[in-house]
Amino acid sequence: MPPFRPDILDFEASGFGFESYPIEVGVALSSGQKYCTLIKPATDWLHWDPEAEKIHGLCIEDLHAYGKSISTVVRELNSFLTNRTLYSDGWVVDKPWLSKLYYQCGMAPSFFLSPLEIILKEAQMDIWSQTKLQVIADLALTRHRASTDALIIQETFVRTRQIVLKK
């Protein structure tokens, strides 16, 4: 029987505070399907933090040149994720960014976003950071972007669960 793989959603954002907004969304599903896109900011989304840019490596010009409109992103997410529960390792920031995205175009998600901690055992949390570093090294995924992060989170969950179940 294959290991349980949770569906993961991750955002990159314009910054770290209240005024920040989502600039990229990435999804890794248990089926192996993935979704990732840059998001063109709304005209009233103005906050840009150069420190956040250093982390994700995206500039505002990238979003305007290659990003999809918010309404397109929302429709694609709803179509791709209907009735699923996705998990986030940064729910306290990802949930507000998800809400901001949907609020902007007056729609509601067709899926649920829950904190990853809901399905993590304490023993998994104890070995999470160490295992995550090993996953990054094994998969040679060094780019800090939404789709890459979603895959890393998913694989770290699988590995920590396997380690804990073997004990």
N, C-alpha and C. Protein backbone atom coordinates (compact mmCIF):
# COMPACT_ATOMS: atom_id res chain seq x y z
N MET A 1 0.85 -1.19 0.00
CA MET A 1 0.00 0.00 0.00
C MET A 1 0.89 1.25 0.00
N PRO A 2 0.63 2.17 -0.92
CA PRO A 2 1.46 3.39 -0.97
C PRO A 2 1.22 4.26 0.26
N PRO A 3 2.23 5.04 0.65
CA PRO A 3 2.06 5.89 1.83
C PRO A 3 1.05 7.01 1.59
N PHE A 4 0.41 7.44 2.68
CA PHE A 4 -0.53 8.55 2.62
C PHE A 4 0.23 9.82 2.27
N ARG A 5 -0.23 10.51 1.22
CA ARG A 5 0.35 11.80 0.79
C ARG A 5 -0.74 12.86 0.89
N PRO A 6 -0.59 13.81 1.77
CA PRO A 6 -1.61 14.86 1.85
C PRO A 6 -1.50 15.82 0.66
N ASP A 7 -2.60 16.42 0.31
CA ASP A 7 -2.62 17.48 -0.70
C ASP A 7 -2.11 18.75 -0.02
N ILE A 8 -1.13 19.39 -0.64
CA ILE A 8 -0.46 20.55 -0.03
C ILE A 8 -0.64 21.79 -0.89
N LEU A 9 -0.89 22.93 -0.24
CA LEU A 9 -0.95 24.23 -0.91
C LEU A 9 0.06 25.15 -0.23
N ASP A 10 0.77 25.93 -1.05
CA ASP A 10 1.74 26.88 -0.52
C ASP A 10 1.69 28.17 -1.33
N PHE A 11 1.91 29.29 -0.65
CA PHE A 11 1.98 30.59 -1.31
C PHE A 11 3.36 31.20 -1.13
N GLU A 12 3.75 31.99 -2.11
CA GLU A 12 4.80 32.99 -1.94
C GLU A 12 4.07 34.32 -1.91
N ALA A 13 4.65 35.29 -1.21
CA ALA A 13 3.92 36.55 -1.03
C ALA A 13 4.84 37.76 -1.19
N SER A 14 4.20 38.91 -1.28
CA SER A 14 4.90 40.18 -1.50
C SER A 14 5.66 40.64 -0.27
N GLY A 15 5.34 40.06 0.87
CA GLY A 15 5.97 40.46 2.12
C GLY A 15 5.51 39.56 3.24
N PHE A 16 5.69 40.03 4.46
CA PHE A 16 5.42 39.19 5.63
C PHE A 16 4.29 39.71 6.51
N GLY A 17 3.85 40.92 6.31
CA GLY A 17 2.87 41.51 7.20
C GLY A 17 1.46 41.55 6.64
N PHE A 18 0.62 42.30 7.34
CA PHE A 18 -0.80 42.40 7.02
C PHE A 18 -1.06 42.90 5.60
N GLU A 19 -0.25 43.82 5.13
CA GLU A 19 -0.48 44.41 3.80
C GLU A 19 0.03 43.53 2.66
N SER A 20 0.71 42.44 2.99
CA SER A 20 1.25 41.58 1.94
C SER A 20 0.12 40.84 1.23
N TYR A 21 0.45 40.31 0.06
CA TYR A 21 -0.54 39.62 -0.76
C TYR A 21 0.13 38.46 -1.48
N PRO A 22 -0.68 37.49 -1.93
CA PRO A 22 -0.12 36.32 -2.61
C PRO A 22 0.39 36.69 -4.00
N ILE A 23 1.58 36.18 -4.34
CA ILE A 23 2.15 36.44 -5.67
C ILE A 23 2.36 35.16 -6.47
N GLU A 24 2.31 34.01 -5.77
CA GLU A 24 2.45 32.72 -6.44
C GLU A 24 1.77 31.67 -5.58
N VAL A 25 1.10 30.73 -6.23
CA VAL A 25 0.48 29.63 -5.52
C VAL A 25 0.98 28.33 -6.14
N GLY A 26 1.26 27.37 -5.26
CA GLY A 26 1.69 26.05 -5.71
C GLY A 26 0.93 24.97 -4.97
N VAL A 27 0.62 23.91 -5.69
CA VAL A 27 -0.14 22.79 -5.13
C VAL A 27 0.55 21.49 -5.53
N ALA A 28 0.64 20.57 -4.58
CA ALA A 28 1.10 19.21 -4.86
C ALA A 28 0.02 18.26 -4.34
N LEU A 29 -0.63 17.54 -5.25
CA LEU A 29 -1.70 16.62 -4.87
C LEU A 29 -1.15 15.23 -4.60
N SER A 30 -1.92 14.45 -3.86
CA SER A 30 -1.53 13.08 -3.54
C SER A 30 -1.39 12.23 -4.79
N SER A 31 -2.09 12.59 -5.84
CA SER A 31 -2.06 11.86 -7.11
C SER A 31 -0.77 12.11 -7.90
N GLY A 32 0.01 13.11 -7.46
CA GLY A 32 1.20 13.49 -8.20
C GLY A 32 0.96 14.70 -9.09
N GLN A 33 -0.29 15.09 -9.27
CA GLN A 33 -0.60 16.28 -10.07
C GLN A 33 -0.12 17.52 -9.33
N LYS A 34 0.28 18.53 -10.12
CA LYS A 34 0.77 19.77 -9.54
C LYS A 34 0.12 20.96 -10.25
N TYR A 35 0.11 22.07 -9.54
CA TYR A 35 -0.38 23.33 -10.10
C TYR A 35 0.51 24.43 -9.55
N CYS A 36 0.90 25.34 -10.41
CA CYS A 36 1.69 26.48 -9.97
C CYS A 36 1.48 27.63 -10.94
N THR A 37 1.32 28.81 -10.39
CA THR A 37 1.22 29.99 -11.24
C THR A 37 1.60 31.25 -10.47
N LEU A 38 2.13 32.19 -11.20
CA LEU A 38 2.33 33.53 -10.65
C LEU A 38 1.00 34.26 -10.70
N ILE A 39 0.83 35.22 -9.80
CA ILE A 39 -0.43 35.96 -9.68
C ILE A 39 -0.17 37.44 -9.94
N LYS A 40 -0.87 37.98 -10.91
CA LYS A 40 -0.77 39.41 -11.21
C LYS A 40 -1.50 40.18 -10.09
N PRO A 41 -0.82 41.11 -9.43
CA PRO A 41 -1.45 41.81 -8.29
C PRO A 41 -2.63 42.68 -8.71
N ALA A 42 -3.58 42.81 -7.79
CA ALA A 42 -4.68 43.76 -7.97
C ALA A 42 -4.10 45.17 -7.94
N THR A 43 -4.78 46.10 -8.55
CA THR A 43 -4.24 47.47 -8.65
C THR A 43 -4.04 48.12 -7.28
N ASP A 44 -4.82 47.70 -6.27
CA ASP A 44 -4.66 48.29 -4.94
C ASP A 44 -3.75 47.46 -4.03
N TRP A 45 -3.13 46.42 -4.55
CA TRP A 45 -2.14 45.65 -3.80
C TRP A 45 -0.78 46.28 -4.08
N LEU A 46 -0.29 47.07 -3.17
CA LEU A 46 0.89 47.87 -3.42
C LEU A 46 2.12 47.48 -2.60
N HIS A 47 1.92 46.79 -1.50
CA HIS A 47 3.04 46.47 -0.60
C HIS A 47 4.05 45.54 -1.28
N TRP A 48 5.31 45.92 -1.23
CA TRP A 48 6.38 45.05 -1.77
C TRP A 48 7.57 45.13 -0.83
N ASP A 49 7.99 43.99 -0.31
CA ASP A 49 9.09 43.92 0.64
C ASP A 49 10.33 43.34 -0.04
N PRO A 50 11.38 44.12 -0.16
CA PRO A 50 12.61 43.63 -0.80
C PRO A 50 13.20 42.40 -0.09
N GLU A 51 12.94 42.26 1.21
CA GLU A 51 13.44 41.08 1.94
C GLU A 51 12.71 39.82 1.48
N ALA A 52 11.41 39.93 1.24
CA ALA A 52 10.66 38.79 0.71
C ALA A 52 11.15 38.44 -0.69
N GLU A 53 11.43 39.47 -1.49
CA GLU A 53 11.94 39.24 -2.85
C GLU A 53 13.25 38.47 -2.83
N LYS A 54 14.11 38.75 -1.85
CA LYS A 54 15.37 38.02 -1.73
C LYS A 54 15.13 36.53 -1.48
N ILE A 55 14.06 36.20 -0.78
CA ILE A 55 13.76 34.81 -0.45
C ILE A 55 13.19 34.07 -1.65
N HIS A 56 12.15 34.62 -2.29
CA HIS A 56 11.51 33.90 -3.39
C HIS A 56 12.12 34.21 -4.76
N GLY A 57 12.87 35.28 -4.87
CA GLY A 57 13.56 35.58 -6.12
C GLY A 57 12.69 36.12 -7.24
N LEU A 58 11.50 36.54 -6.90
CA LEU A 58 10.60 37.11 -7.91
C LEU A 58 10.56 38.62 -7.76
N CYS A 59 10.50 39.32 -8.87
CA CYS A 59 10.35 40.77 -8.80
C CYS A 59 8.95 41.13 -9.29
N ILE A 60 8.52 42.31 -8.95
CA ILE A 60 7.17 42.75 -9.30
C ILE A 60 6.95 42.72 -10.81
N GLU A 61 8.00 42.99 -11.58
CA GLU A 61 7.90 42.96 -13.05
C GLU A 61 7.57 41.56 -13.56
N ASP A 62 8.10 40.52 -12.87
CA ASP A 62 7.78 39.14 -13.24
C ASP A 62 6.28 38.88 -13.13
N LEU A 63 5.68 39.40 -12.07
CA LEU A 63 4.24 39.18 -11.85
C LEU A 63 3.41 39.83 -12.95
N HIS A 64 3.79 41.04 -13.33
CA HIS A 64 3.04 41.75 -14.37
C HIS A 64 3.27 41.11 -15.74
N ALA A 65 4.46 40.58 -15.97
CA ALA A 65 4.77 39.98 -17.27
C ALA A 65 4.22 38.57 -17.41
N TYR A 66 4.29 37.78 -16.34
CA TYR A 66 3.98 36.35 -16.45
C TYR A 66 2.82 35.89 -15.57
N GLY A 67 2.34 36.76 -14.69
CA GLY A 67 1.27 36.36 -13.78
C GLY A 67 -0.08 36.28 -14.46
N LYS A 68 -0.92 35.41 -13.90
CA LYS A 68 -2.31 35.31 -14.36
C LYS A 68 -3.16 36.24 -13.52
N SER A 69 -4.28 36.65 -14.08
CA SER A 69 -5.21 37.51 -13.33
C SER A 69 -5.74 36.75 -12.12
N ILE A 70 -6.12 37.49 -11.11
CA ILE A 70 -6.65 36.87 -9.89
C ILE A 70 -7.87 36.02 -10.20
N SER A 71 -8.77 36.50 -11.03
CA SER A 71 -9.98 35.73 -11.35
C SER A 71 -9.63 34.43 -12.08
N THR A 72 -8.63 34.46 -12.93
CA THR A 72 -8.21 33.23 -13.62
C THR A 72 -7.63 32.24 -12.62
N VAL A 73 -6.78 32.71 -11.72
CA VAL A 73 -6.17 31.83 -10.71
C VAL A 73 -7.25 31.20 -9.83
N VAL A 74 -8.20 32.00 -9.38
CA VAL A 74 -9.28 31.50 -8.53
C VAL A 74 -10.11 30.45 -9.27
N ARG A 75 -10.45 30.72 -10.51
CA ARG A 75 -11.24 29.74 -11.28
C ARG A 75 -10.44 28.44 -11.48
N GLU A 76 -9.15 28.56 -11.80
CA GLU A 76 -8.33 27.37 -12.00
C GLU A 76 -8.18 26.56 -10.71
N LEU A 77 -7.95 27.25 -9.59
CA LEU A 77 -7.86 26.55 -8.30
C LEU A 77 -9.17 25.84 -7.98
N ASN A 78 -10.29 26.52 -8.14
CA ASN A 78 -11.59 25.91 -7.85
C ASN A 78 -11.83 24.69 -8.73
N SER A 79 -11.48 24.76 -9.97
CA SER A 79 -11.66 23.64 -10.89
C SER A 79 -10.75 22.46 -10.51
N PHE A 80 -9.53 22.75 -10.17
CA PHE A 80 -8.52 21.74 -9.88
C PHE A 80 -8.71 21.09 -8.50
N LEU A 81 -9.28 21.83 -7.55
CA LEU A 81 -9.28 21.39 -6.15
C LEU A 81 -10.65 21.15 -5.54
N THR A 82 -11.70 21.11 -6.33
CA THR A 82 -13.06 20.99 -5.81
C THR A 82 -13.19 19.85 -4.79
N ASN A 83 -13.78 20.20 -3.65
CA ASN A 83 -14.10 19.27 -2.56
C ASN A 83 -12.89 18.60 -1.90
N ARG A 84 -11.71 19.11 -2.12
CA ARG A 84 -10.51 18.56 -1.49
C ARG A 84 -10.20 19.32 -0.20
N THR A 85 -9.48 18.65 0.69
CA THR A 85 -8.89 19.32 1.83
C THR A 85 -7.39 19.39 1.57
N LEU A 86 -6.87 20.60 1.55
CA LEU A 86 -5.44 20.82 1.37
C LEU A 86 -4.86 21.26 2.69
N TYR A 87 -3.56 21.02 2.84
CA TYR A 87 -2.89 21.36 4.08
C TYR A 87 -1.77 22.35 3.81
N SER A 88 -1.51 23.18 4.80
CA SER A 88 -0.48 24.20 4.72
C SER A 88 0.39 24.12 5.97
N ASP A 89 1.71 24.21 5.76
CA ASP A 89 2.61 24.24 6.92
C ASP A 89 2.75 25.66 7.47
N GLY A 90 2.14 26.62 6.81
CA GLY A 90 2.15 28.01 7.27
C GLY A 90 0.75 28.58 7.24
N TRP A 91 -0.19 27.84 7.79
CA TRP A 91 -1.61 28.17 7.70
C TRP A 91 -1.92 29.59 8.18
N VAL A 92 -1.22 30.06 9.20
CA VAL A 92 -1.53 31.38 9.76
C VAL A 92 -1.25 32.51 8.77
N VAL A 93 -0.42 32.27 7.78
CA VAL A 93 -0.21 33.27 6.72
C VAL A 93 -0.87 32.84 5.41
N ASP A 94 -0.86 31.54 5.12
CA ASP A 94 -1.46 31.08 3.87
C ASP A 94 -2.97 31.27 3.83
N LYS A 95 -3.64 31.04 4.94
CA LYS A 95 -5.10 31.21 4.97
C LYS A 95 -5.52 32.66 4.70
N PRO A 96 -4.88 33.66 5.33
CA PRO A 96 -5.24 35.05 4.98
C PRO A 96 -4.92 35.39 3.52
N TRP A 97 -3.83 34.86 2.97
CA TRP A 97 -3.52 35.14 1.56
C TRP A 97 -4.55 34.49 0.65
N LEU A 98 -4.99 33.27 1.01
CA LEU A 98 -6.05 32.62 0.24
C LEU A 98 -7.33 33.44 0.31
N SER A 99 -7.67 33.90 1.50
CA SER A 99 -8.88 34.72 1.68
C SER A 99 -8.78 36.02 0.88
N LYS A 100 -7.62 36.66 0.89
CA LYS A 100 -7.42 37.91 0.16
C LYS A 100 -7.61 37.68 -1.34
N LEU A 101 -7.09 36.58 -1.83
CA LEU A 101 -7.20 36.23 -3.25
C LEU A 101 -8.67 36.07 -3.66
N TYR A 102 -9.41 35.29 -2.89
CA TYR A 102 -10.81 35.04 -3.22
C TYR A 102 -11.70 36.25 -2.98
N TYR A 103 -11.43 36.98 -1.91
CA TYR A 103 -12.21 38.18 -1.61
C TYR A 103 -12.11 39.20 -2.75
N GLN A 104 -10.93 39.29 -3.33
CA GLN A 104 -10.68 40.27 -4.39
C GLN A 104 -11.63 40.10 -5.57
N CYS A 105 -12.03 38.87 -5.85
CA CYS A 105 -12.94 38.67 -6.99
C CYS A 105 -14.32 38.17 -6.56
N GLY A 106 -14.61 38.27 -5.27
CA GLY A 106 -15.95 37.97 -4.78
C GLY A 106 -16.35 36.51 -4.91
N MET A 107 -15.39 35.62 -4.80
CA MET A 107 -15.69 34.19 -4.90
C MET A 107 -15.26 33.48 -3.62
N ALA A 108 -15.68 32.24 -3.50
CA ALA A 108 -15.30 31.40 -2.36
C ALA A 108 -14.56 30.17 -2.88
N PRO A 109 -13.61 29.67 -2.11
CA PRO A 109 -12.91 28.46 -2.53
C PRO A 109 -13.85 27.26 -2.58
N SER A 110 -13.60 26.37 -3.52
CA SER A 110 -14.38 25.13 -3.64
C SER A 110 -13.71 24.01 -2.84
N PHE A 111 -12.73 24.37 -2.03
CA PHE A 111 -11.92 23.41 -1.28
C PHE A 111 -11.66 23.98 0.12
N PHE A 112 -11.05 23.17 0.96
CA PHE A 112 -10.77 23.57 2.33
C PHE A 112 -9.26 23.64 2.52
N LEU A 113 -8.80 24.59 3.33
CA LEU A 113 -7.39 24.69 3.67
C LEU A 113 -7.26 24.54 5.18
N SER A 114 -6.48 23.55 5.60
CA SER A 114 -6.31 23.25 7.02
C SER A 114 -4.83 23.29 7.39
N PRO A 115 -4.55 23.53 8.66
CA PRO A 115 -3.16 23.49 9.11
C PRO A 115 -2.61 22.07 9.04
N LEU A 116 -1.40 21.94 8.58
CA LEU A 116 -0.76 20.63 8.49
C LEU A 116 -0.66 19.97 9.86
N GLU A 117 -0.53 20.79 10.90
CA GLU A 117 -0.40 20.25 12.26
C GLU A 117 -1.57 19.36 12.66
N ILE A 118 -2.71 19.53 12.01
CA ILE A 118 -3.88 18.72 12.34
C ILE A 118 -3.62 17.24 12.06
N ILE A 119 -2.82 16.94 11.05
CA ILE A 119 -2.56 15.54 10.69
C ILE A 119 -1.15 15.08 11.07
N LEU A 120 -0.37 15.94 11.69
CA LEU A 120 0.98 15.58 12.12
C LEU A 120 0.96 15.01 13.53
N LYS A 121 1.67 13.92 13.73
CA LYS A 121 1.88 13.40 15.08
C LYS A 121 3.02 14.19 15.72
N GLU A 122 3.02 14.25 17.02
CA GLU A 122 4.07 14.99 17.72
C GLU A 122 5.46 14.45 17.36
N ALA A 123 5.56 13.15 17.21
CA ALA A 123 6.85 12.54 16.86
C ALA A 123 7.31 13.00 15.47
N GLN A 124 6.38 13.25 14.57
CA GLN A 124 6.74 13.78 13.25
C GLN A 124 7.27 15.20 13.39
N MET A 125 6.62 16.00 14.22
CA MET A 125 7.07 17.37 14.43
C MET A 125 8.49 17.40 14.99
N ASP A 126 8.81 16.44 15.85
CA ASP A 126 10.13 16.39 16.47
C ASP A 126 11.25 16.18 15.46
N ILE A 127 10.95 15.50 14.35
CA ILE A 127 12.00 15.21 13.35
C ILE A 127 11.77 15.97 12.05
N TRP A 128 10.83 16.90 12.05
CA TRP A 128 10.44 17.61 10.83
C TRP A 128 11.60 18.37 10.19
N SER A 129 12.23 19.26 10.92
CA SER A 129 13.27 20.12 10.34
C SER A 129 14.43 19.32 9.76
N GLN A 130 14.89 18.35 10.51
CA GLN A 130 16.00 17.50 10.05
C GLN A 130 15.61 16.73 8.79
N THR A 131 14.42 16.18 8.78
CA THR A 131 13.94 15.41 7.63
C THR A 131 13.75 16.32 6.42
N LYS A 132 13.23 17.50 6.64
CA LYS A 132 13.01 18.45 5.54
C LYS A 132 14.33 18.81 4.87
N LEU A 133 15.36 19.03 5.64
CA LEU A 133 16.69 19.32 5.06
C LEU A 133 17.18 18.16 4.20
N GLN A 134 16.92 16.93 4.67
CA GLN A 134 17.32 15.75 3.90
C GLN A 134 16.52 15.63 2.60
N VAL A 135 15.23 15.93 2.66
CA VAL A 135 14.37 15.92 1.46
C VAL A 135 14.89 16.92 0.43
N ILE A 136 15.20 18.12 0.88
CA ILE A 136 15.72 19.15 -0.02
C ILE A 136 17.01 18.68 -0.68
N ALA A 137 17.88 18.08 0.10
CA ALA A 137 19.15 17.57 -0.44
C ALA A 137 18.91 16.41 -1.41
N ASP A 138 18.06 15.47 -1.03
CA ASP A 138 17.79 14.29 -1.88
C ASP A 138 17.14 14.67 -3.20
N LEU A 139 16.20 15.60 -3.16
CA LEU A 139 15.48 15.98 -4.37
C LEU A 139 16.17 17.10 -5.14
N ALA A 140 17.25 17.64 -4.55
CA ALA A 140 18.01 18.74 -5.17
C ALA A 140 17.08 19.90 -5.55
N LEU A 141 16.16 20.22 -4.65
CA LEU A 141 15.20 21.31 -4.87
C LEU A 141 15.64 22.50 -4.03
N THR A 142 16.36 23.40 -4.65
CA THR A 142 16.89 24.53 -3.90
C THR A 142 16.09 25.81 -4.12
N ARG A 143 15.27 25.85 -5.15
CA ARG A 143 14.49 27.04 -5.47
C ARG A 143 13.38 27.23 -4.45
N HIS A 144 13.32 28.39 -3.82
CA HIS A 144 12.28 28.67 -2.84
C HIS A 144 11.09 29.27 -3.57
N ARG A 145 10.23 28.40 -4.07
CA ARG A 145 9.04 28.82 -4.80
C ARG A 145 7.87 27.97 -4.33
N ALA A 146 6.67 28.40 -4.63
CA ALA A 146 5.46 27.77 -4.09
C ALA A 146 5.33 26.29 -4.45
N SER A 147 5.51 25.95 -5.72
CA SER A 147 5.33 24.55 -6.12
C SER A 147 6.42 23.66 -5.55
N THR A 148 7.64 24.16 -5.52
CA THR A 148 8.75 23.41 -4.95
C THR A 148 8.51 23.20 -3.46
N ASP A 149 8.11 24.26 -2.77
CA ASP A 149 7.85 24.15 -1.34
C ASP A 149 6.72 23.16 -1.05
N ALA A 150 5.67 23.18 -1.85
CA ALA A 150 4.55 22.24 -1.66
C ALA A 150 5.03 20.80 -1.78
N LEU A 151 5.86 20.53 -2.77
CA LEU A 151 6.40 19.18 -2.94
C LEU A 151 7.32 18.78 -1.78
N ILE A 152 8.15 19.70 -1.33
CA ILE A 152 9.04 19.43 -0.19
C ILE A 152 8.23 19.13 1.07
N ILE A 153 7.21 19.92 1.32
CA ILE A 153 6.34 19.70 2.49
C ILE A 153 5.68 18.33 2.41
N GLN A 154 5.15 18.00 1.24
CA GLN A 154 4.48 16.72 1.06
C GLN A 154 5.43 15.55 1.30
N GLU A 155 6.62 15.61 0.71
CA GLU A 155 7.59 14.53 0.87
C GLU A 155 8.11 14.44 2.30
N THR A 156 8.27 15.58 2.95
CA THR A 156 8.70 15.58 4.35
C THR A 156 7.64 14.92 5.22
N PHE A 157 6.38 15.20 4.94
CA PHE A 157 5.30 14.55 5.68
C PHE A 157 5.39 13.04 5.52
N VAL A 158 5.54 12.58 4.27
CA VAL A 158 5.59 11.14 3.99
C VAL A 158 6.76 10.49 4.74
N ARG A 159 7.93 11.09 4.65
CA ARG A 159 9.12 10.50 5.30
C ARG A 159 9.03 10.51 6.81
N THR A 160 8.54 11.61 7.39
CA THR A 160 8.44 11.64 8.85
C THR A 160 7.40 10.63 9.33
N ARG A 161 6.35 10.46 8.57
CA ARG A 161 5.32 9.48 8.94
C ARG A 161 5.88 8.06 8.88
N GLN A 162 6.64 7.77 7.81
CA GLN A 162 7.24 6.43 7.68
C GLN A 162 8.20 6.15 8.82
N ILE A 163 9.01 7.13 9.20
CA ILE A 163 9.95 6.95 10.31
C ILE A 163 9.21 6.67 11.61
N VAL A 164 8.17 7.45 11.86
CA VAL A 164 7.40 7.30 13.10
C VAL A 164 6.67 5.96 13.14
N LEU A 165 6.13 5.52 12.00
CA LEU A 165 5.39 4.24 11.97
C LEU A 165 6.31 3.04 12.15
N LYS A 166 7.57 3.18 11.78
CA LYS A 166 8.54 2.09 11.93
C LYS A 166 8.98 1.88 13.38
N LYS A 167 8.79 2.91 14.19
CA LYS A 167 9.26 2.83 15.60
C LYS A 167 8.32 2.01 16.44
